[in-house]
Amino acid sequence: MGTTKHLVRLQFEVNGPAVEGEWTSAATARDRYTEWVGLYSKNPDVVIRLIEETDDRQRVLKTWTAQGEVDGPAS
């Protein structure tokens, strides 16, 4: 099994360009996800995702949009 990375991806519009942070610590990534939701939650177009990546395979753990937070990818 390969190295696992923890990512937080911020998009200011759906399918728009992204700003992304990467950490080896899941706790640090979760903290940053929470921080970004707090900072950008007033913008109705923002999408924020908490992602786990192992061997170049990504799994979305949480997604926040103006409609709220869901586990996994937004539908």
C-alpha atoms as a PDB file:
ATOM      1  CA  MET A   1       0.000   0.000   0.000  1.00  0.00           C
ATOM      2  CA  GLY A   2       1.275   3.466  -0.902  1.00  0.00           C
ATOM      3  CA  THR A   3       1.485   6.707   0.970  1.00  0.00           C
ATOM      4  CA  THR A   4      -1.768   8.352   1.957  1.00  0.00           C
ATOM      5  CA  LYS A   5      -2.169  12.092   1.491  1.00  0.00           C
ATOM      6  CA  HIS A   6      -4.959  14.208   2.902  1.00  0.00           C
ATOM      7  CA  LEU A   7      -6.182  17.058   0.722  1.00  0.00           C
ATOM      8  CA  VAL A   8      -8.537  19.976   1.107  1.00  0.00           C
ATOM      9  CA  ARG A   9      -9.753  21.449  -2.169  1.00  0.00           C
ATOM     10  CA  LEU A  10     -11.438  24.862  -2.375  1.00  0.00           C
ATOM     11  CA  GLN A  11     -13.286  26.011  -5.482  1.00  0.00           C
ATOM     12  CA  PHE A  12     -14.956  29.405  -5.714  1.00  0.00           C
ATOM     13  CA  GLU A  13     -17.436  27.993  -8.234  1.00  0.00           C
ATOM     14  CA  VAL A  14     -18.567  24.476  -9.163  1.00  0.00           C
ATOM     15  CA  ASN A  15     -16.084  22.933 -11.621  1.00  0.00           C
ATOM     16  CA  GLY A  16     -13.943  26.081 -11.396  1.00  0.00           C
ATOM     17  CA  PRO A  17     -10.214  26.299 -10.701  1.00  0.00           C
ATOM     18  CA  ALA A  18      -9.156  24.969  -7.313  1.00  0.00           C
ATOM     19  CA  VAL A  19      -6.851  25.916  -4.485  1.00  0.00           C
ATOM     20  CA  GLU A  20      -5.584  22.810  -2.733  1.00  0.00           C
ATOM     21  CA  GLY A  21      -3.663  21.997   0.421  1.00  0.00           C
ATOM     22  CA  GLU A  22      -1.970  18.662   1.083  1.00  0.00           C
ATOM     23  CA  TRP A  23      -0.983  17.107   4.408  1.00  0.00           C
ATOM     24  CA  THR A  24       0.258  13.762   5.682  1.00  0.00           C
ATOM     25  CA  SER A  25      -1.841  14.207   8.824  1.00  0.00           C
ATOM     26  CA  ALA A  26      -5.572  13.529   8.579  1.00  0.00           C
ATOM     27  CA  ALA A  27      -6.174  15.679  11.676  1.00  0.00           C
ATOM     28  CA  THR A  28      -4.422  18.679  10.129  1.00  0.00           C
ATOM     29  CA  ALA A  29      -6.434  18.327   6.911  1.00  0.00           C
ATOM     30  CA  ARG A  30      -9.711  18.095   8.863  1.00  0.00           C
ATOM     31  CA  ASP A  31      -8.769  21.218  10.831  1.00  0.00           C
ATOM     32  CA  ARG A  32      -8.015  23.122   7.627  1.00  0.00           C
ATOM     33  CA  TYR A  33     -11.284  21.917   6.041  1.00  0.00           C
ATOM     34  CA  THR A  34     -13.198  23.255   9.054  1.00  0.00           C
ATOM     35  CA  GLU A  35     -11.255  26.523   8.932  1.00  0.00           C
ATOM     36  CA  TRP A  36     -11.946  27.011   5.227  1.00  0.00           C
ATOM     37  CA  VAL A  37     -15.656  26.290   5.683  1.00  0.00           C
ATOM     38  CA  GLY A  38     -15.705  28.981   8.373  1.00  0.00           C
ATOM     39  CA  LEU A  39     -13.837  31.469   6.195  1.00  0.00           C
ATOM     40  CA  TYR A  40     -15.721  30.936   2.937  1.00  0.00           C
ATOM     41  CA  SER A  41     -19.209  29.799   3.989  1.00  0.00           C
ATOM     42  CA  LYS A  42     -20.742  33.201   3.165  1.00  0.00           C
ATOM     43  CA  ASN A  43     -20.010  32.687  -0.554  1.00  0.00           C
ATOM     44  CA  PRO A  44     -22.917  30.689  -2.083  1.00  0.00           C
ATOM     45  CA  ASP A  45     -20.766  29.356  -4.951  1.00  0.00           C
ATOM     46  CA  VAL A  46     -17.918  27.862  -2.895  1.00  0.00           C
ATOM     47  CA  VAL A  47     -17.306  24.105  -2.844  1.00  0.00           C
ATOM     48  CA  ILE A  48     -14.881  22.651  -0.274  1.00  0.00           C
ATOM     49  CA  ARG A  49     -13.856  18.994  -0.213  1.00  0.00           C
ATOM     50  CA  LEU A  50     -11.885  16.875   2.246  1.00  0.00           C
ATOM     51  CA  ILE A  51     -10.150  14.143   0.248  1.00  0.00           C
ATOM     52  CA  GLU A  52      -8.031  11.105   1.067  1.00  0.00           C
ATOM     53  CA  GLU A  53      -5.598  10.003  -1.655  1.00  0.00           C
ATOM     54  CA  THR A  54      -3.724   6.700  -1.729  1.00  0.00           C
ATOM     55  CA  ASP A  55      -1.856   5.398  -4.781  1.00  0.00           C
ATOM     56  CA  ASP A  56      -3.285   8.229  -6.934  1.00  0.00           C
ATOM     57  CA  ARG A  57      -6.861   7.174  -6.079  1.00  0.00           C
ATOM     58  CA  GLN A  58      -8.930   9.868  -4.437  1.00  0.00           C
ATOM     59  CA  ARG A  59     -11.840   9.354  -2.076  1.00  0.00           C
ATOM     60  CA  VAL A  60     -13.952  12.373  -1.093  1.00  0.00           C
ATOM     61  CA  LEU A  61     -14.692  12.167   2.635  1.00  0.00           C
ATOM     62  CA  LYS A  62     -16.741  15.369   3.055  1.00  0.00           C
ATOM     63  CA  THR A  63     -18.100  18.072   0.783  1.00  0.00           C
ATOM     64  CA  TRP A  64     -19.373  21.482   1.858  1.00  0.00           C
ATOM     65  CA  THR A  65     -21.545  23.703  -0.342  1.00  0.00           C
ATOM     66  CA  ALA A  66     -24.019  26.486   0.483  1.00  0.00           C
ATOM     67  CA  GLN A  67     -26.652  23.724   0.738  1.00  0.00           C
ATOM     68  CA  GLY A  68     -24.726  22.198   3.668  1.00  0.00           C
ATOM     69  CA  GLU A  69     -22.231  19.454   4.338  1.00  0.00           C
ATOM     70  CA  VAL A  70     -22.480  15.869   3.137  1.00  0.00           C
ATOM     71  CA  ASP A  71     -20.315  12.817   3.692  1.00  0.00           C
ATOM     72  CA  GLY A  72     -18.665  11.885   0.401  1.00  0.00           C
ATOM     73  CA  PRO A  73     -19.028  13.772  -2.863  1.00  0.00           C
ATOM     74  CA  ALA A  74     -21.891  16.216  -3.388  1.00  0.00           C
ATOM     75  CA  SER A  75     -24.712  14.805  -5.461  1.00  0.00           C
END
